[in-house]
Structure formats: structure tokens, C-alpha cells
Amino acid sequence: MKIFIPIPLTILILAISLLSCTNDMAIVNKFIDTETEPDLICENFEVLYTDSARLTMKMRTPLLQQFSSANNQREEFPVGAHVWFYEKTGELHAEITTNWAQRDIATNLWEARSNVIGTFADGRKIETEQLFFDPQKGIVYSEKYTKITNEDGTVATGDTFWALQDFSEYRLGRGKATIMLSDEK
């Protein structure tokens, strides 16, 4: 038995079915927008950096987001990170905590923001709201207010900060210092 469907009815059914198929472009763009959506998400991520089989740095973060297909290729640590730096002897040299961090993949420039605190094995402490680390140049710097507390209790502050990577030398721009004096003779 053959069923006969008139041509106008067939065209009407086809038109209705084509017009009823729509995509929400915001949802579609979410799948292809590599600027705002990460390619890779890692939770409770830990990485060890070594040089000649010696541990030089360890980093932990609750969340890593990698944007490798974006124009601005980067790794973001949106809920913070904890980083430990080690001497060649294996001893802990320094550690830094931050509430947010990012590494630009193309330049390898690191940026830490929001409650950046660094502590050193010798007792020094650095506090700032923004810190950049450029491993190619071997420098650390900030364009924000920075406070350094030395092991002897002296405090130095400045509107800008620059240091060698190992913090053996540092400078504060437009700085001030508070020196602790002792009554001992």
C-alpha cells in the first residue's frame, strides 16, 4: 500500500522542521571560545621542576587552567598556588603563596596577584599584591607597594620592587625603612 503525500504538504513539513532547528550561539561559542574557556583543567595539581636531577622548585595548586589554543596562551591558577624553591644542596631557600597566579606560555613570564607572601630560609619575608618573575632575565619585580621584613626585624617598604631571582640583591623604589634599635650595650 502506497501513501500519497501532496507536494505542498511535504514542503510545509520540511520548512517547519528546518525552521525549528536552532542553536543557542552562546552555547555553541562556549565550546569553541578558547580565549575564555580552558583546554585543560587540573584539580589538586602538583609539579616538580628539576635541573640535572636536582629538585629546584615544587608547586601545588588546587586548580590549574591551561589555555593552549588561545591567542594569549597561558596557564592560570585562579584559586592560588604555593611554590617552594630549593638550593642546589636540596635545602629549602624560599616559598611563596598567592591567591592567584598566571604563566604566559610564550614569554614564560609569571605573575602572582592578591596576597602574595614570600618567606625565606634566612628569616626574611616579602609581602605585596603583585609580583612578576622573569626566569629568562633572572629577576623578580613588582609595580605595587611591597613590604620586606628582614630577619633582624627591620622593615622596608616601597612603591616598586626589583630583585635578583635568588633575592641576594633587591631594591625598593620610593622606599622607607623602620629600624629596630636595641637598648643593649
Foldseek 3Di string as FASTA:
>chain_A
DDDDDDPVVVVVVVVVVVVVDDDDVVVVVQVVVLVPAFPDKDAFDKDFDDDPPATAKIKTARMWGFSCPDPQGKIKRQQWMKMWGADSVRHTFKIKIARIKMARPVQRKIKGAHFIWMAGPQGKIKTWGMKIARVVVQKIKDQAWMWMQGNQGKIKIANMKMAGNSRPDIDHHPMDMDDDDDPDD
